[in-house]
Structures are given as structure tokens and as C-alpha cells.
Amino acid sequence: MTPTIKWAITRLMGATIFRAQTILFLPELQMFGGIAPDGWFGPWLSDTIIGFALPVMLYLFWTRRSVAIWGALVAYNAVGAFDYSQGLITQMISPMPVEMASAATVYVGIGLFMGFQLVALALLFRRDVIAEFKGRV
């Protein structure tokens, strides 16, 4: 794996750290007296968990080599992209109040970060990346 690919994966995954801040949105849910539809509970909770797991995943990416670590990185990015798709579906079904964010901001933001996660996932499937994780157990 070239340093360029290694840094690209790091930056693409690292850009999604902002999902950890969704822990701050949870009190805005209607069930807690806020203005956001309760449908956002699942996406925001999973965003929080995935966001807090990111430093661990990046640490493993930089320091460990095994098929199991590669699999964990693939799973992390696949689940992350799927979670973003759930955010897009939630926005269609239970739109976020405009007081929090416009619909365009939600769609563009979630779509952009889902794209980052998908590109990182695609890079993990490059032959040279797989070979590096497969070569050292």
C-alpha cells in the first residue's frame, strides 16, 4: 500500500469524526422535550457510537496488520455507509426541523460523508491494500 493510499483512507475515514457530535443532538429529540422527530434517535445514536469508534479504527489501521483487522475496517466502513443511508431515509420520512438544519444541508452533508465512507471502503478492496493486511498476520 502506497503512502498516498494510506493517507487517503485515513483522511476519508477521519472526515467522518463529526458524527460523534451527534451525541449533542439526542436531547433535541421529541421524547426528551426537543423539536426533532424521534425517528432520528437510531441514526444519531449509531452515529455517536461509530464516531467514538473512529480513533480506535484508525489506530488499528496504522499499527496492526492481519486479515481480521482488514475485515474489521471493511465492516466499520460498510456499517458507517449504511448508517448514513439510514440518515437519508430518516430525513425523507421524518425531516429534521428547519430550526436545526435545512433539508438541503442534511441531504448534502449526509450524502457527502456517505461518499467518503464508500470511497474508503473501495480503497480497502485494492489488491495492494488487501495484500498488505494479508501478508502479515
Protein backbone atom coordinates (compact mmCIF):
# COMPACT_ATOMS: atom_id res chain seq x y z
CA MET A 1 0.00 0.00 0.00
CA THR A 2 1.44 3.33 -1.01
CA PRO A 3 1.66 6.21 1.46
CA THR A 4 -0.80 8.14 -0.74
CA ILE A 5 -3.43 5.41 -0.41
CA LYS A 6 -2.77 5.08 3.32
CA TRP A 7 -3.27 8.81 3.85
CA ALA A 8 -6.32 8.88 1.57
CA ILE A 9 -8.03 6.17 3.63
CA THR A 10 -7.04 7.97 6.83
CA ARG A 11 -8.44 11.30 5.63
CA LEU A 12 -11.65 9.80 4.25
CA MET A 13 -12.33 7.90 7.46
CA GLY A 14 -11.13 10.79 9.62
CA ALA A 15 -13.53 13.22 7.99
CA THR A 16 -16.40 11.25 9.49
CA ILE A 17 -15.31 12.09 13.07
CA PHE A 18 -18.02 14.76 13.05
CA ARG A 19 -20.63 12.07 13.51
CA ALA A 20 -19.51 11.77 17.15
CA GLN A 21 -21.01 15.22 17.81
CA THR A 22 -24.50 13.81 17.27
CA ILE A 23 -24.46 12.85 20.94
CA LEU A 24 -25.24 16.55 21.46
CA PHE A 25 -28.37 16.23 19.29
CA LEU A 26 -30.01 13.49 21.37
CA PRO A 27 -31.60 15.97 23.86
CA GLU A 28 -33.27 17.64 20.86
CA LEU A 29 -35.49 14.60 20.27
CA GLN A 30 -39.20 15.00 21.00
CA MET A 31 -39.05 12.15 23.53
CA PHE A 32 -36.69 14.34 25.56
CA GLY A 33 -38.69 17.54 25.08
CA GLY A 34 -36.91 18.75 21.94
CA ILE A 35 -38.11 19.62 18.46
CA ALA A 36 -36.53 16.80 16.40
CA PRO A 37 -38.66 13.80 15.40
CA ASP A 38 -37.96 10.66 17.42
CA GLY A 39 -37.10 8.88 14.17
CA TRP A 40 -33.64 10.46 14.45
CA PHE A 41 -32.88 8.52 17.64
CA GLY A 42 -31.43 5.49 15.81
CA PRO A 43 -29.29 7.37 13.30
CA TRP A 44 -27.95 9.76 15.94
CA LEU A 45 -27.19 7.03 18.45
CA SER A 46 -25.40 4.90 15.86
CA ASP A 47 -23.55 7.99 14.60
CA THR A 48 -22.34 8.63 18.12
CA ILE A 49 -21.09 5.07 18.57
CA ILE A 50 -19.45 4.93 15.13
CA GLY A 51 -17.87 8.35 15.70
CA PHE A 52 -16.35 7.35 19.03
CA ALA A 53 -15.04 4.12 17.47
CA LEU A 54 -13.19 6.02 14.72
CA PRO A 55 -9.96 6.72 16.66
CA VAL A 56 -9.72 3.02 17.54
CA MET A 57 -10.23 2.01 13.91
CA LEU A 58 -7.61 4.49 12.69
CA TYR A 59 -5.18 3.26 15.35
CA LEU A 60 -5.68 -0.31 14.15
CA PHE A 61 -5.33 0.77 10.53
CA TRP A 62 -1.97 2.39 11.23
CA THR A 63 -0.49 -0.11 13.67
CA ARG A 64 -1.83 -3.62 13.01
CA ARG A 65 -1.78 -5.95 10.02
CA SER A 66 -3.93 -9.05 9.77
CA VAL A 67 -6.89 -10.30 7.81
CA ALA A 68 -9.04 -9.81 10.91
CA ILE A 69 -8.08 -6.11 11.13
CA TRP A 70 -8.76 -5.67 7.41
CA GLY A 71 -12.17 -7.30 7.92
CA ALA A 72 -12.91 -5.01 10.87
CA LEU A 73 -12.01 -1.96 8.75
CA VAL A 74 -14.23 -3.17 5.91
CA ALA A 75 -17.09 -3.83 8.33
CA TYR A 76 -16.63 -0.45 10.04
CA ASN A 77 -16.79 1.46 6.74
CA ALA A 78 -19.68 -0.63 5.38
CA VAL A 79 -21.71 -0.14 8.55
CA GLY A 80 -20.81 3.55 8.50
CA ALA A 81 -22.02 3.97 4.92
CA PHE A 82 -25.18 2.01 5.70
CA ASP A 83 -25.78 4.25 8.73
CA TYR A 84 -25.53 7.32 6.52
CA SER A 85 -28.10 5.77 4.16
CA GLN A 86 -30.39 5.38 7.17
CA GLY A 87 -29.95 9.09 7.86
CA LEU A 88 -31.04 9.89 4.31
CA ILE A 89 -34.11 7.66 4.71
CA THR A 90 -34.89 9.23 8.08
CA GLN A 91 -34.73 12.69 6.52
CA MET A 92 -37.28 11.60 3.91
CA ILE A 93 -39.63 10.03 6.47
CA SER A 94 -39.14 12.32 9.49
CA PRO A 95 -37.49 15.52 8.28
CA MET A 96 -35.22 17.34 10.66
CA PRO A 97 -36.74 20.66 11.73
CA VAL A 98 -35.52 23.64 9.71
CA GLU A 99 -34.58 25.25 13.03
CA MET A 100 -31.80 22.62 13.25
CA ALA A 101 -30.82 22.34 9.56
CA SER A 102 -32.35 22.84 6.15
CA ALA A 103 -33.30 19.75 4.17
CA ALA A 104 -30.64 20.59 1.56
CA THR A 105 -27.96 20.80 4.24
CA VAL A 106 -28.98 17.42 5.66
CA TYR A 107 -29.08 15.68 2.28
CA VAL A 108 -25.82 17.19 1.02
CA GLY A 109 -23.98 16.68 4.29
CA ILE A 110 -25.05 13.08 4.80
CA GLY A 111 -24.54 12.27 1.11
CA LEU A 112 -21.04 13.75 1.07
CA PHE A 113 -19.89 11.87 4.15
CA MET A 114 -21.51 8.65 2.91
CA GLY A 115 -19.45 9.12 -0.25
CA PHE A 116 -16.28 9.48 1.84
CA GLN A 117 -17.09 6.24 3.65
CA LEU A 118 -17.79 4.41 0.37
CA VAL A 119 -14.55 5.61 -1.23
CA ALA A 120 -12.59 4.49 1.87
CA LEU A 121 -14.33 1.12 1.59
CA ALA A 122 -13.43 0.86 -2.11
CA LEU A 123 -9.79 1.69 -1.34
CA LEU A 124 -9.69 -1.08 1.25
CA PHE A 125 -10.53 -3.51 -1.57
CA ARG A 126 -7.48 -2.55 -3.66
CA ARG A 127 -5.20 -5.51 -4.25
CA ASP A 128 -2.19 -3.77 -2.68
CA VAL A 129 -4.14 -2.89 0.46
CA ILE A 130 -5.51 -6.43 0.84
CA ALA A 131 -2.03 -7.86 0.22
CA GLU A 132 -0.52 -5.73 2.97
CA PHE A 133 -3.08 -6.88 5.52
CA LYS A 134 -2.93 -10.47 4.29
CA GLY A 135 0.86 -10.64 4.19
CA ARG A 136 1.46 -10.11 7.91
CA VAL A 137 -0.68 -11.99 10.37
